[in-house]
Amino acid sequence: MGKTIAIANQKGGVGKTTTSINLAASLSITKRRVLLVDLDPQGNATTGSGIDKYDLNLSSYDVLNGNASITNVRVSNPNIHYDVIPTNTDLTAAEVELIRRPQAERQLQKALNKILMEYDYILIDCPPSLSMITINAMVAADAVMIPMQCEYYALEGLTALMDTIERIRQRFNSNLRMEGILRTMFDSRSRLANEVSAQLCEHFKDKVYRTVIPRNVRLAEAPSYGVPVLNYDKNSKGAKSYLALAGEMLRNAETHYIDTDSDKELATSI
């Protein structure tokens, strides 16, 4: 049975979708079976995977509301090597409708349970907010990956997110843990970025990925072509960085287990 990872941060514009798409592509290159679940109503992970979000008969909205089986919503694109549960703005309606459903927070978990054996990794691209949709993602997940920029308010936002993860662990998913913190859009010339990066490493130690995702023009350009950066420019720094991240994750999975009991203690020590 594969691992389900929610890629989340309550702050927008930190590289969640970029990470979701390019990590899915990088893991699939290593012959892992990968599913990408788009739970952001903007649908950027959908379009960035070459799927027209305006031409969907079914989407993650239908999965969460029980209108369709997840196997019927799943889409394969011959130009990429991972499967996608696509979405569009219809998902915004799910927030209100989910509240009326019994066990509203477990709808995604129930749907994914039907196909867990088919994948090595299921990656969930979360919206930039703490909503019932995000809660569904974390309840369904084994772990949370946190992409973040090394900037002034990053540590404060990280503490809030760790509190959220702890609350969900206590109420809904006792097995939820932090997969790791990924430094994105990193500019090594910035003194502030290096200072924040050092603080992250000091407090979170091996929970911070060694791999750093740099600011990269090719990463920014690839979504407009509807492909991961590996398909757009496999020799770019962005492509090589996400391949390195996939390799680091696979090595960690074989040799390392993150202690869940220390997650909140570390976050509140910042």
C-alpha atoms as a PDB file:
ATOM      1  CA  MET A   1       0.000   0.000   0.000  1.00  0.00           C
ATOM      2  CA  GLY A   2       1.324   3.416  -0.954  1.00  0.00           C
ATOM      3  CA  LYS A   3       1.919   6.566   1.032  1.00  0.00           C
ATOM      4  CA  THR A   4      -0.508   9.493   0.881  1.00  0.00           C
ATOM      5  CA  ILE A   5       1.044  12.945   1.312  1.00  0.00           C
ATOM      6  CA  ALA A   6      -0.878  16.203   1.667  1.00  0.00           C
ATOM      7  CA  ILE A   7       1.131  19.116   0.279  1.00  0.00           C
ATOM      8  CA  ALA A   8      -0.104  21.989   2.387  1.00  0.00           C
ATOM      9  CA  ASN A   9       0.545  25.476   3.672  1.00  0.00           C
ATOM     10  CA  GLN A  10      -2.095  27.930   4.834  1.00  0.00           C
ATOM     11  CA  LYS A  11      -0.139  30.665   3.067  1.00  0.00           C
ATOM     12  CA  GLY A  12      -0.610  31.051  -0.681  1.00  0.00           C
ATOM     13  CA  GLY A  13       2.095  31.459  -3.285  1.00  0.00           C
ATOM     14  CA  VAL A  14       4.679  29.231  -1.616  1.00  0.00           C
ATOM     15  CA  GLY A  15       4.965  26.596  -4.344  1.00  0.00           C
ATOM     16  CA  LYS A  16       2.424  23.956  -3.285  1.00  0.00           C
ATOM     17  CA  THR A  17       1.095  23.326  -6.777  1.00  0.00           C
ATOM     18  CA  THR A  18       4.519  23.563  -8.412  1.00  0.00           C
ATOM     19  CA  THR A  19       5.759  20.997  -5.915  1.00  0.00           C
ATOM     20  CA  SER A  20       2.738  18.739  -6.382  1.00  0.00           C
ATOM     21  CA  ILE A  21       3.118  18.603 -10.163  1.00  0.00           C
ATOM     22  CA  ASN A  22       6.871  18.295 -10.348  1.00  0.00           C
ATOM     23  CA  LEU A  23       7.250  15.873  -7.459  1.00  0.00           C
ATOM     24  CA  ALA A  24       4.573  13.655  -9.054  1.00  0.00           C
ATOM     25  CA  ALA A  25       6.498  13.737 -12.327  1.00  0.00           C
ATOM     26  CA  SER A  26       9.845  13.080 -10.628  1.00  0.00           C
ATOM     27  CA  LEU A  27       8.555  10.132  -8.594  1.00  0.00           C
ATOM     28  CA  SER A  28       6.937   8.645 -11.682  1.00  0.00           C
ATOM     29  CA  ILE A  29      10.285   8.831 -13.498  1.00  0.00           C
ATOM     30  CA  THR A  30      11.656   6.481 -10.822  1.00  0.00           C
ATOM     31  CA  LYS A  31       8.970   3.960 -11.871  1.00  0.00           C
ATOM     32  CA  ARG A  32       6.750   4.683  -8.878  1.00  0.00           C
ATOM     33  CA  ARG A  33       3.015   4.626  -9.477  1.00  0.00           C
ATOM     34  CA  VAL A  34       1.764   8.116  -8.637  1.00  0.00           C
ATOM     35  CA  LEU A  35      -1.650   9.765  -8.312  1.00  0.00           C
ATOM     36  CA  LEU A  36      -2.006  13.543  -8.010  1.00  0.00           C
ATOM     37  CA  VAL A  37      -5.230  14.766  -6.379  1.00  0.00           C
ATOM     38  CA  ASP A  38      -6.076  18.393  -7.124  1.00  0.00           C
ATOM     39  CA  LEU A  39      -8.040  19.854  -4.190  1.00  0.00           C
ATOM     40  CA  ASP A  40      -7.443  23.523  -4.989  1.00  0.00           C
ATOM     41  CA  PRO A  41     -10.499  25.077  -6.721  1.00  0.00           C
ATOM     42  CA  GLN A  42      -8.135  27.130  -8.883  1.00  0.00           C
ATOM     43  CA  GLY A  43      -7.325  23.872 -10.674  1.00  0.00           C
ATOM     44  CA  ASN A  44      -3.713  24.801 -11.391  1.00  0.00           C
ATOM     45  CA  ALA A  45      -2.406  21.292 -10.742  1.00  0.00           C
ATOM     46  CA  THR A  46      -4.971  20.091 -13.272  1.00  0.00           C
ATOM     47  CA  THR A  47      -3.961  22.490 -16.042  1.00  0.00           C
ATOM     48  CA  GLY A  48      -0.285  22.114 -15.148  1.00  0.00           C
ATOM     49  CA  SER A  49      -0.701  18.401 -15.836  1.00  0.00           C
ATOM     50  CA  GLY A  50      -2.082  19.071 -19.313  1.00  0.00           C
ATOM     51  CA  ILE A  51      -5.775  18.610 -18.493  1.00  0.00           C
ATOM     52  CA  ASP A  52      -8.396  21.157 -19.543  1.00  0.00           C
ATOM     53  CA  LYS A  53     -10.190  22.119 -16.328  1.00  0.00           C
ATOM     54  CA  TYR A  54     -12.993  23.738 -18.365  1.00  0.00           C
ATOM     55  CA  ASP A  55     -13.815  20.459 -20.103  1.00  0.00           C
ATOM     56  CA  LEU A  56     -14.323  18.099 -17.182  1.00  0.00           C
ATOM     57  CA  ASN A  57     -17.355  15.871 -16.900  1.00  0.00           C
ATOM     58  CA  LEU A  58     -16.313  14.800 -13.420  1.00  0.00           C
ATOM     59  CA  SER A  59     -13.897  16.286 -10.896  1.00  0.00           C
ATOM     60  CA  SER A  60     -12.733  16.058  -7.289  1.00  0.00           C
ATOM     61  CA  TYR A  61     -15.975  17.850  -6.420  1.00  0.00           C
ATOM     62  CA  ASP A  62     -17.869  14.701  -7.432  1.00  0.00           C
ATOM     63  CA  VAL A  63     -15.495  12.530  -5.391  1.00  0.00           C
ATOM     64  CA  LEU A  64     -15.976  14.553  -2.199  1.00  0.00           C
ATOM     65  CA  ASN A  65     -19.738  14.689  -2.577  1.00  0.00           C
ATOM     66  CA  GLY A  66     -20.150  11.031  -3.465  1.00  0.00           C
ATOM     67  CA  ASN A  67     -21.531  11.749  -6.921  1.00  0.00           C
ATOM     68  CA  ALA A  68     -19.006   9.540  -8.687  1.00  0.00           C
ATOM     69  CA  SER A  69     -16.509   6.802  -7.966  1.00  0.00           C
ATOM     70  CA  ILE A  70     -12.923   8.003  -7.822  1.00  0.00           C
ATOM     71  CA  THR A  71     -12.026   5.461 -10.524  1.00  0.00           C
ATOM     72  CA  ASN A  72     -14.396   7.231 -12.920  1.00  0.00           C
ATOM     73  CA  VAL A  73     -12.954  10.670 -12.113  1.00  0.00           C
ATOM     74  CA  ARG A  74      -9.312   9.640 -12.539  1.00  0.00           C
ATOM     75  CA  VAL A  75      -7.615  10.937 -15.691  1.00  0.00           C
ATOM     76  CA  SER A  76      -4.471   9.725 -17.440  1.00  0.00           C
ATOM     77  CA  ASN A  77      -2.531  11.997 -19.784  1.00  0.00           C
ATOM     78  CA  PRO A  78      -0.244  10.226 -22.279  1.00  0.00           C
ATOM     79  CA  ASN A  79       2.226  13.121 -22.074  1.00  0.00           C
ATOM     80  CA  ILE A  80       2.871  12.578 -18.372  1.00  0.00           C
ATOM     81  CA  HIS A  81       3.381   9.414 -16.362  1.00  0.00           C
ATOM     82  CA  TYR A  82       1.111   9.936 -13.358  1.00  0.00           C
ATOM     83  CA  ASP A  83      -2.665   9.899 -12.905  1.00  0.00           C
ATOM     84  CA  VAL A  84      -4.715  12.919 -11.858  1.00  0.00           C
ATOM     85  CA  ILE A  85      -7.954  13.537  -9.999  1.00  0.00           C
ATOM     86  CA  PRO A  86      -8.686  16.888 -11.675  1.00  0.00           C
ATOM     87  CA  THR A  87     -10.684  19.822 -10.395  1.00  0.00           C
ATOM     88  CA  ASN A  88     -12.098  23.212 -11.314  1.00  0.00           C
ATOM     89  CA  THR A  89     -14.111  25.978  -9.664  1.00  0.00           C
ATOM     90  CA  ASP A  90     -16.990  23.562  -9.020  1.00  0.00           C
ATOM     91  CA  LEU A  91     -15.004  22.516  -5.950  1.00  0.00           C
ATOM     92  CA  THR A  92     -15.838  25.795  -4.216  1.00  0.00           C
ATOM     93  CA  ALA A  93     -19.377  24.493  -3.724  1.00  0.00           C
ATOM     94  CA  ALA A  94     -18.106  21.414  -1.932  1.00  0.00           C
ATOM     95  CA  GLU A  95     -17.243  23.400   1.180  1.00  0.00           C
ATOM     96  CA  VAL A  96     -20.878  24.121   2.013  1.00  0.00           C
ATOM     97  CA  GLU A  97     -22.224  20.798   0.796  1.00  0.00           C
ATOM     98  CA  LEU A  98     -19.722  18.735   2.784  1.00  0.00           C
ATOM     99  CA  ILE A  99     -20.930  20.186   6.067  1.00  0.00           C
ATOM    100  CA  ARG A 100     -24.297  18.499   5.536  1.00  0.00           C
ATOM    101  CA  ARG A 101     -22.759  15.051   5.034  1.00  0.00           C
ATOM    102  CA  PRO A 102     -22.116  12.561   7.864  1.00  0.00           C
ATOM    103  CA  GLN A 103     -18.393  12.243   8.587  1.00  0.00           C
ATOM    104  CA  ALA A 104     -17.745  15.184   6.315  1.00  0.00           C
ATOM    105  CA  GLU A 105     -14.035  15.182   7.098  1.00  0.00           C
ATOM    106  CA  ARG A 106     -13.586  11.574   5.885  1.00  0.00           C
ATOM    107  CA  GLN A 107     -15.047  11.735   2.382  1.00  0.00           C
ATOM    108  CA  LEU A 108     -11.705  11.825   0.588  1.00  0.00           C
ATOM    109  CA  GLN A 109     -10.289   9.111   2.836  1.00  0.00           C
ATOM    110  CA  LYS A 110     -13.192   6.803   1.962  1.00  0.00           C
ATOM    111  CA  ALA A 111     -12.716   7.443  -1.738  1.00  0.00           C
ATOM    112  CA  LEU A 112      -8.946   6.916  -1.721  1.00  0.00           C
ATOM    113  CA  ASN A 113      -9.240   3.690   0.278  1.00  0.00           C
ATOM    114  CA  LYS A 114     -10.645   2.082  -2.876  1.00  0.00           C
ATOM    115  CA  ILE A 115      -7.460   2.665  -4.869  1.00  0.00           C
ATOM    116  CA  LEU A 116      -4.642   2.803  -2.289  1.00  0.00           C
ATOM    117  CA  MET A 117      -3.195  -0.493  -3.473  1.00  0.00           C
ATOM    118  CA  GLU A 118      -2.794   0.833  -7.009  1.00  0.00           C
ATOM    119  CA  TYR A 119      -0.227   3.519  -6.143  1.00  0.00           C
ATOM    120  CA  ASP A 120       3.110   3.943  -4.447  1.00  0.00           C
ATOM    121  CA  TYR A 121       2.462   7.641  -3.806  1.00  0.00           C
ATOM    122  CA  ILE A 122      -0.690   9.723  -3.679  1.00  0.00           C
ATOM    123  CA  LEU A 123       0.020  13.465  -3.562  1.00  0.00           C
ATOM    124  CA  ILE A 124      -2.746  15.898  -2.582  1.00  0.00           C
ATOM    125  CA  ASP A 125      -2.456  19.534  -3.657  1.00  0.00           C
ATOM    126  CA  CYS A 126      -4.281  21.480  -0.923  1.00  0.00           C
ATOM    127  CA  PRO A 127      -5.892  24.933  -1.136  1.00  0.00           C
ATOM    128  CA  PRO A 128      -4.145  27.827   0.668  1.00  0.00           C
ATOM    129  CA  SER A 129      -6.552  27.875   3.606  1.00  0.00           C
ATOM    130  CA  LEU A 130      -7.741  25.785   6.522  1.00  0.00           C
ATOM    131  CA  SER A 131     -11.059  24.576   5.180  1.00  0.00           C
ATOM    132  CA  MET A 132     -13.126  21.401   5.191  1.00  0.00           C
ATOM    133  CA  ILE A 133     -11.350  20.496   1.955  1.00  0.00           C
ATOM    134  CA  THR A 134      -7.923  20.829   3.595  1.00  0.00           C
ATOM    135  CA  ILE A 135      -9.146  18.846   6.593  1.00  0.00           C
ATOM    136  CA  ASN A 136     -10.278  16.086   4.220  1.00  0.00           C
ATOM    137  CA  ALA A 137      -6.792  16.010   2.730  1.00  0.00           C
ATOM    138  CA  MET A 138      -5.061  15.732   6.107  1.00  0.00           C
ATOM    139  CA  VAL A 139      -7.474  13.106   7.406  1.00  0.00           C
ATOM    140  CA  ALA A 140      -6.799  11.024   4.298  1.00  0.00           C
ATOM    141  CA  ALA A 141      -3.024  11.527   4.441  1.00  0.00           C
ATOM    142  CA  ASP A 142      -0.242   9.647   6.164  1.00  0.00           C
ATOM    143  CA  ALA A 143       1.922  12.764   6.227  1.00  0.00           C
ATOM    144  CA  VAL A 144       2.072  16.461   5.394  1.00  0.00           C
ATOM    145  CA  MET A 145       4.753  18.067   3.255  1.00  0.00           C
ATOM    146  CA  ILE A 146       5.147  21.800   3.851  1.00  0.00           C
ATOM    147  CA  PRO A 147       6.576  23.920   1.031  1.00  0.00           C
ATOM    148  CA  MET A 148       7.607  27.345   2.284  1.00  0.00           C
ATOM    149  CA  GLN A 149       9.589  30.372   1.285  1.00  0.00           C
ATOM    150  CA  CYS A 150      12.373  31.525   3.577  1.00  0.00           C
ATOM    151  CA  GLU A 151      10.914  34.935   4.319  1.00  0.00           C
ATOM    152  CA  TYR A 152       9.954  37.149   7.246  1.00  0.00           C
ATOM    153  CA  TYR A 153       6.542  35.693   8.179  1.00  0.00           C
ATOM    154  CA  ALA A 154       7.364  32.097   7.274  1.00  0.00           C
ATOM    155  CA  LEU A 155       8.149  30.839  10.777  1.00  0.00           C
ATOM    156  CA  GLU A 156       5.000  32.364  12.263  1.00  0.00           C
ATOM    157  CA  GLY A 157       2.887  30.732   9.573  1.00  0.00           C
ATOM    158  CA  LEU A 158       4.680  27.435  10.073  1.00  0.00           C
ATOM    159  CA  THR A 159       3.840  27.410  13.775  1.00  0.00           C
ATOM    160  CA  ALA A 160       0.143  27.927  12.943  1.00  0.00           C
ATOM    161  CA  LEU A 161       0.232  25.094  10.421  1.00  0.00           C
ATOM    162  CA  MET A 162       1.891  22.759  12.910  1.00  0.00           C
ATOM    163  CA  ASP A 163      -0.875  23.574  15.399  1.00  0.00           C
ATOM    164  CA  THR A 164      -3.428  22.652  12.730  1.00  0.00           C
ATOM    165  CA  ILE A 165      -1.697  19.338  12.035  1.00  0.00           C
ATOM    166  CA  GLU A 166      -1.644  18.570  15.750  1.00  0.00           C
ATOM    167  CA  ARG A 167      -5.375  19.300  16.137  1.00  0.00           C
ATOM    168  CA  ILE A 168      -6.238  17.044  13.210  1.00  0.00           C
ATOM    169  CA  ARG A 169      -3.975  14.331  14.626  1.00  0.00           C
ATOM    170  CA  GLN A 170      -5.750  14.495  17.977  1.00  0.00           C
ATOM    171  CA  ARG A 171      -9.293  14.570  16.583  1.00  0.00           C
ATOM    172  CA  PHE A 172      -9.312  12.638  13.321  1.00  0.00           C
ATOM    173  CA  ASN A 173      -6.030  11.014  12.268  1.00  0.00           C
ATOM    174  CA  SER A 174      -3.680   9.838  14.994  1.00  0.00           C
ATOM    175  CA  ASN A 175      -1.185   8.548  12.415  1.00  0.00           C
ATOM    176  CA  LEU A 176      -0.676  11.904  10.699  1.00  0.00           C
ATOM    177  CA  ARG A 177       2.912  13.127  10.785  1.00  0.00           C
ATOM    178  CA  MET A 178       5.050  15.747   9.158  1.00  0.00           C
ATOM    179  CA  GLU A 179       6.802  14.400   6.093  1.00  0.00           C
ATOM    180  CA  GLY A 180       9.153  17.346   5.848  1.00  0.00           C
ATOM    181  CA  ILE A 181       9.668  21.045   5.192  1.00  0.00           C
ATOM    182  CA  LEU A 182      10.671  22.044   1.676  1.00  0.00           C
ATOM    183  CA  ARG A 183      12.405  25.359   1.064  1.00  0.00           C
ATOM    184  CA  THR A 184      11.035  26.768  -2.201  1.00  0.00           C
ATOM    185  CA  MET A 185      11.787  29.764  -4.454  1.00  0.00           C
ATOM    186  CA  PHE A 186      15.084  29.985  -2.640  1.00  0.00           C
ATOM    187  CA  ASP A 187      17.495  32.788  -3.486  1.00  0.00           C
ATOM    188  CA  SER A 188      20.896  32.037  -1.987  1.00  0.00           C
ATOM    189  CA  ARG A 189      21.954  35.667  -2.527  1.00  0.00           C
ATOM    190  CA  SER A 190      19.368  36.853  -0.002  1.00  0.00           C
ATOM    191  CA  ARG A 191      20.650  37.327   3.532  1.00  0.00           C
ATOM    192  CA  LEU A 192      17.130  36.982   4.935  1.00  0.00           C
ATOM    193  CA  ALA A 193      16.538  33.734   3.062  1.00  0.00           C
ATOM    194  CA  ASN A 194      19.735  32.263   4.442  1.00  0.00           C
ATOM    195  CA  GLU A 195      18.914  33.395   7.986  1.00  0.00           C
ATOM    196  CA  VAL A 196      15.423  31.869   7.902  1.00  0.00           C
ATOM    197  CA  SER A 197      16.826  28.700   6.338  1.00  0.00           C
ATOM    198  CA  ALA A 198      19.346  28.414   9.155  1.00  0.00           C
ATOM    199  CA  GLN A 199      16.595  28.836  11.766  1.00  0.00           C
ATOM    200  CA  LEU A 200      14.525  26.110  10.124  1.00  0.00           C
ATOM    201  CA  CYS A 201      17.455  23.701  10.143  1.00  0.00           C
ATOM    202  CA  GLU A 202      18.274  24.553  13.753  1.00  0.00           C
ATOM    203  CA  HIS A 203      14.762  23.904  15.068  1.00  0.00           C
ATOM    204  CA  PHE A 204      13.513  21.162  12.741  1.00  0.00           C
ATOM    205  CA  LYS A 205      16.818  19.421  11.989  1.00  0.00           C
ATOM    206  CA  ASP A 206      16.286  16.401   9.717  1.00  0.00           C
ATOM    207  CA  LYS A 207      12.679  17.360   9.073  1.00  0.00           C
ATOM    208  CA  VAL A 208      13.997  19.990   6.665  1.00  0.00           C
ATOM    209  CA  TYR A 209      14.798  18.480   3.294  1.00  0.00           C
ATOM    210  CA  ARG A 210      18.384  18.900   2.224  1.00  0.00           C
ATOM    211  CA  THR A 211      17.080  19.572  -1.262  1.00  0.00           C
ATOM    212  CA  VAL A 212      16.310  23.241  -1.885  1.00  0.00           C
ATOM    213  CA  ILE A 213      14.108  24.404  -4.762  1.00  0.00           C
ATOM    214  CA  PRO A 214      15.615  27.554  -6.317  1.00  0.00           C
ATOM    215  CA  ARG A 215      13.864  30.372  -8.089  1.00  0.00           C
ATOM    216  CA  ASN A 216      13.874  29.171 -11.685  1.00  0.00           C
ATOM    217  CA  VAL A 217      12.397  30.647 -14.854  1.00  0.00           C
ATOM    218  CA  ARG A 218      11.742  27.215 -16.379  1.00  0.00           C
ATOM    219  CA  LEU A 219       9.673  26.174 -13.355  1.00  0.00           C
ATOM    220  CA  ALA A 220       7.539  29.278 -13.841  1.00  0.00           C
ATOM    221  CA  GLU A 221       7.165  28.759 -17.588  1.00  0.00           C
ATOM    222  CA  ALA A 222       6.282  25.045 -17.647  1.00  0.00           C
ATOM    223  CA  PRO A 223       2.635  25.371 -16.423  1.00  0.00           C
ATOM    224  CA  SER A 224       1.732  27.556 -19.410  1.00  0.00           C
ATOM    225  CA  TYR A 225       2.629  24.572 -21.607  1.00  0.00           C
ATOM    226  CA  GLY A 226       0.600  22.158 -19.472  1.00  0.00           C
ATOM    227  CA  VAL A 227       3.554  19.963 -18.532  1.00  0.00           C
ATOM    228  CA  PRO A 228       5.873  19.395 -15.564  1.00  0.00           C
ATOM    229  CA  VAL A 229       9.259  21.046 -15.847  1.00  0.00           C
ATOM    230  CA  LEU A 230      10.830  17.639 -16.584  1.00  0.00           C
ATOM    231  CA  ASN A 231       8.876  17.577 -19.832  1.00  0.00           C
ATOM    232  CA  TYR A 232       9.597  21.217 -20.591  1.00  0.00           C
ATOM    233  CA  ASP A 233      13.315  21.421 -19.805  1.00  0.00           C
ATOM    234  CA  LYS A 234      14.784  18.373 -18.100  1.00  0.00           C
ATOM    235  CA  ASN A 235      18.186  20.060 -17.817  1.00  0.00           C
ATOM    236  CA  SER A 236      16.926  23.093 -15.909  1.00  0.00           C
ATOM    237  CA  LYS A 237      17.822  23.722 -12.285  1.00  0.00           C
ATOM    238  CA  GLY A 238      14.156  23.332 -11.362  1.00  0.00           C
ATOM    239  CA  ALA A 239      13.880  19.896 -12.951  1.00  0.00           C
ATOM    240  CA  LYS A 240      17.098  18.685 -11.338  1.00  0.00           C
ATOM    241  CA  SER A 241      15.978  19.991  -7.935  1.00  0.00           C
ATOM    242  CA  TYR A 242      12.679  18.095  -7.982  1.00  0.00           C
ATOM    243  CA  LEU A 243      14.437  14.941  -9.137  1.00  0.00           C
ATOM    244  CA  ALA A 244      16.790  15.386  -6.181  1.00  0.00           C
ATOM    245  CA  LEU A 245      13.798  15.824  -3.858  1.00  0.00           C
ATOM    246  CA  ALA A 246      12.227  12.604  -5.131  1.00  0.00           C
ATOM    247  CA  GLY A 247      15.498  10.783  -4.561  1.00  0.00           C
ATOM    248  CA  GLU A 248      15.812  12.187  -1.054  1.00  0.00           C
ATOM    249  CA  MET A 249      12.255  11.114  -0.221  1.00  0.00           C
ATOM    250  CA  LEU A 250      12.858   7.600  -1.450  1.00  0.00           C
ATOM    251  CA  ARG A 251      16.054   7.299   0.583  1.00  0.00           C
ATOM    252  CA  ASN A 252      14.297   8.672   3.674  1.00  0.00           C
ATOM    253  CA  ALA A 253      11.488   6.160   3.243  1.00  0.00           C
ATOM    254  CA  GLU A 254      14.009   3.337   3.393  1.00  0.00           C
ATOM    255  CA  THR A 255      16.151   4.570   6.290  1.00  0.00           C
ATOM    256  CA  HIS A 256      14.361   7.183   8.356  1.00  0.00           C
ATOM    257  CA  TYR A 257      11.165   7.615  10.381  1.00  0.00           C
ATOM    258  CA  ILE A 258      10.092  11.019  11.660  1.00  0.00           C
ATOM    259  CA  ASP A 259       9.007  11.053  15.320  1.00  0.00           C
ATOM    260  CA  THR A 260       5.441  12.388  15.387  1.00  0.00           C
ATOM    261  CA  ASP A 261       5.498  13.179  19.110  1.00  0.00           C
ATOM    262  CA  SER A 262       8.076  15.902  18.617  1.00  0.00           C
ATOM    263  CA  ASP A 263       6.320  17.809  15.803  1.00  0.00           C
ATOM    264  CA  LYS A 264       4.340  20.255  17.877  1.00  0.00           C
ATOM    265  CA  GLU A 265       7.097  20.725  20.452  1.00  0.00           C
ATOM    266  CA  LEU A 266       9.496  21.750  17.707  1.00  0.00           C
ATOM    267  CA  ALA A 267       6.994  24.131  16.127  1.00  0.00           C
ATOM    268  CA  THR A 268       6.207  25.939  19.360  1.00  0.00           C
ATOM    269  CA  SER A 269       9.891  26.312  20.178  1.00  0.00           C
ATOM    270  CA  ILE A 270      10.417  28.751  17.299  1.00  0.00           C
END
